[in-house]
Amino acid sequence: MRIAVQLEPFDTGAELSGFQAGCAGGETRGETGAVVTFSGVVRNSASGDLAAMEIEHYPGMTEGAIAKFAAEASARWLLTDCLVIHRHGRLTPGETIMMVATAAPHRADAFAAAEFLMDYLKSRAPFWKKEITASGAEWVAAKDSDEAALDRWREEG
């Protein structure tokens, strides 16, 4: 399991290649039959005038929270590995903001664990996001739809 919260951009293709190579070697060699990845990209605001998004976090606390989510995913589903990368700092529309990769013997576990991680990252990871537009800056509020996405994991857990 690798958790990274970083300022620097990353290459999703290189990260995926390294992740899959690690699954093919190492302790779980030969056990991985499915790898699921998701990359989140900064999208423009509904008004179309997003200049940038600034993401803040508390070092140590953020990584700890994400590690907790990853450990819970590993306890719920049979995973051979998982990876979470999340950026902070100033990002512009089109930049990759995060990546989740899960590996499992079978696809159902890899898909479910990836979705679980994405839902918890969106709603519970201690990041604070500010959208900067031509008319000013505004903190992004929590969305009811993101909270609702967590309900199924509570029901299944």
Protein backbone atom coordinates (compact mmCIF):
# COMPACT_ATOMS: atom_id res chain seq x y z
CA MET A 1 0.00 0.00 0.00
CA ARG A 2 1.31 3.43 -0.91
CA ILE A 3 -0.23 6.74 0.10
CA ALA A 4 1.20 9.98 -1.28
CA VAL A 5 0.00 13.53 -0.69
CA GLN A 6 2.15 15.76 -2.81
CA LEU A 7 2.54 19.17 -4.39
CA GLU A 8 4.18 17.86 -7.57
CA PRO A 9 2.32 16.63 -10.65
CA PHE A 10 2.56 12.91 -11.38
CA ASP A 11 2.39 10.72 -14.47
CA THR A 12 -0.64 8.41 -14.16
CA GLY A 13 0.76 6.04 -16.80
CA ALA A 14 4.08 5.69 -15.00
CA GLU A 15 2.31 5.25 -11.66
CA LEU A 16 0.07 2.53 -13.10
CA SER A 17 3.05 0.74 -14.68
CA GLY A 18 4.95 0.80 -11.39
CA PHE A 19 1.88 -0.33 -9.44
CA GLN A 20 1.24 -3.27 -11.78
CA ALA A 21 4.91 -4.24 -11.75
CA GLY A 22 4.80 -4.28 -7.94
CA CYS A 23 1.73 -6.51 -8.04
CA ALA A 24 3.46 -8.90 -10.43
CA GLY A 25 6.55 -9.18 -8.20
CA GLY A 26 6.66 -8.90 -4.43
CA GLU A 27 4.74 -10.85 -1.80
CA THR A 28 1.52 -11.25 -3.80
CA ARG A 29 3.21 -12.40 -7.00
CA GLY A 30 0.74 -14.14 -9.25
CA GLU A 31 -2.31 -13.40 -7.06
CA THR A 32 -3.44 -10.22 -8.84
CA GLY A 33 -5.97 -10.78 -11.59
CA ALA A 34 -7.51 -7.30 -11.73
CA VAL A 35 -6.26 -3.74 -11.43
CA VAL A 36 -8.70 -0.83 -11.31
CA THR A 37 -7.60 2.78 -11.56
CA PHE A 38 -9.34 6.12 -11.31
CA SER A 39 -7.85 9.52 -11.95
CA GLY A 40 -9.58 12.72 -10.89
CA VAL A 41 -9.03 15.85 -12.95
CA VAL A 42 -9.72 19.46 -11.95
CA ARG A 43 -12.82 20.44 -13.88
CA ASN A 44 -13.92 23.92 -14.72
CA SER A 45 -16.66 25.42 -12.58
CA ALA A 46 -20.28 25.47 -13.70
CA SER A 47 -19.82 29.09 -14.77
CA GLY A 48 -16.80 28.11 -16.85
CA ASP A 49 -14.47 30.66 -15.30
CA LEU A 50 -12.38 28.61 -12.88
CA ALA A 51 -8.83 29.96 -12.93
CA ALA A 52 -7.48 27.59 -10.28
CA MET A 53 -8.30 25.42 -7.31
CA GLU A 54 -6.21 25.66 -4.17
CA ILE A 55 -6.11 22.56 -1.98
CA GLU A 56 -4.90 22.71 1.60
CA HIS A 57 -4.28 19.91 4.08
CA TYR A 58 -2.53 19.12 7.35
CA PRO A 59 0.57 16.98 6.65
CA GLY A 60 0.56 13.77 8.61
CA MET A 61 -3.12 14.00 9.49
CA THR A 62 -4.17 13.70 5.85
CA GLU A 63 -1.91 10.75 5.09
CA GLY A 64 -3.08 9.03 8.28
CA ALA A 65 -6.73 9.43 7.36
CA ILE A 66 -6.16 8.09 3.84
CA ALA A 67 -4.15 5.15 5.21
CA LYS A 68 -7.10 4.37 7.50
CA PHE A 69 -9.50 4.32 4.51
CA ALA A 70 -7.09 2.08 2.57
CA ALA A 71 -6.77 -0.31 5.52
CA GLU A 72 -10.57 -0.48 5.78
CA ALA A 73 -10.83 -1.22 2.05
CA SER A 74 -8.24 -3.98 2.44
CA ALA A 75 -10.22 -5.46 5.34
CA ARG A 76 -13.52 -5.39 3.42
CA TRP A 77 -12.25 -6.77 0.10
CA LEU A 78 -9.49 -9.16 -0.84
CA LEU A 79 -6.86 -6.73 -2.16
CA THR A 80 -3.32 -7.55 -3.11
CA ASP A 81 -2.34 -3.84 -3.12
CA CYS A 82 -3.66 -0.30 -3.29
CA LEU A 83 -2.31 3.12 -4.19
CA VAL A 84 -3.66 6.59 -3.44
CA ILE A 85 -2.01 9.75 -4.71
CA HIS A 86 -3.58 13.15 -4.00
CA ARG A 87 -2.15 16.52 -4.85
CA HIS A 88 -2.36 19.75 -2.89
CA GLY A 89 -1.47 23.34 -3.73
CA ARG A 90 -2.64 25.36 -6.71
CA LEU A 91 -4.06 23.35 -9.63
CA THR A 92 -5.67 24.53 -12.84
CA PRO A 93 -8.47 22.96 -14.90
CA GLY A 94 -7.28 19.84 -16.69
CA GLU A 95 -4.59 18.93 -14.16
CA THR A 96 -4.71 15.53 -12.50
CA ILE A 97 -5.64 15.99 -8.85
CA MET A 98 -5.68 12.38 -7.64
CA MET A 99 -5.35 8.72 -8.52
CA VAL A 100 -6.60 5.56 -6.88
CA ALA A 101 -5.44 2.09 -7.93
CA THR A 102 -6.57 -1.19 -6.42
CA ALA A 103 -5.40 -4.70 -7.19
CA ALA A 104 -7.20 -7.91 -6.32
CA PRO A 105 -7.46 -11.51 -7.46
CA HIS A 106 -10.87 -10.69 -9.02
CA ARG A 107 -12.36 -7.55 -10.56
CA ALA A 108 -15.38 -7.22 -8.25
CA ASP A 109 -13.15 -6.62 -5.22
CA ALA A 110 -10.88 -4.23 -7.14
CA PHE A 111 -13.84 -2.18 -8.43
CA ALA A 112 -15.64 -2.05 -5.08
CA ALA A 113 -12.51 -1.08 -3.15
CA ALA A 114 -11.62 1.65 -5.67
CA GLU A 115 -15.13 3.10 -5.47
CA PHE A 116 -15.07 2.96 -1.67
CA LEU A 117 -11.74 4.78 -1.59
CA MET A 118 -12.91 7.45 -4.02
CA ASP A 119 -16.10 8.09 -2.03
CA TYR A 120 -14.19 8.39 1.24
CA LEU A 121 -11.50 10.59 -0.31
CA LYS A 122 -14.16 12.94 -1.65
CA SER A 123 -16.09 13.19 1.62
CA ARG A 124 -13.81 12.37 4.55
CA ALA A 125 -10.19 13.06 3.64
CA PRO A 126 -9.08 16.27 5.39
CA PHE A 127 -8.59 18.48 2.35
CA TRP A 128 -9.91 22.01 2.01
CA LYS A 129 -10.57 23.28 -1.50
CA LYS A 130 -10.92 26.86 -2.66
CA GLU A 131 -12.10 27.76 -6.16
CA ILE A 132 -10.57 30.88 -7.66
CA THR A 133 -12.52 32.61 -10.42
CA ALA A 134 -12.49 36.05 -12.04
CA SER A 135 -15.08 37.17 -9.48
CA GLY A 136 -13.08 36.02 -6.43
CA ALA A 137 -12.31 33.00 -4.32
CA GLU A 138 -14.73 30.72 -2.51
CA TRP A 139 -14.27 27.63 -0.33
CA VAL A 140 -15.95 24.52 -1.75
CA ALA A 141 -18.74 23.29 0.51
CA ALA A 142 -19.56 19.65 1.16
CA LYS A 143 -22.23 18.26 -1.17
CA ASP A 144 -25.23 16.22 -0.13
CA SER A 145 -24.60 13.87 -3.06
CA ASP A 146 -21.11 13.08 -1.74
CA GLU A 147 -22.52 12.29 1.69
CA ALA A 148 -25.24 10.15 0.13
CA ALA A 149 -22.57 8.14 -1.70
CA LEU A 150 -21.21 7.04 1.68
CA ASP A 151 -24.55 5.61 2.78
CA ARG A 152 -24.18 2.42 0.77
CA TRP A 153 -20.83 1.66 2.42
CA ARG A 154 -22.33 2.17 5.87
CA GLU A 155 -25.19 -0.16 4.94
CA GLU A 156 -22.84 -2.79 3.50
CA GLY A 157 -20.30 -2.45 6.32
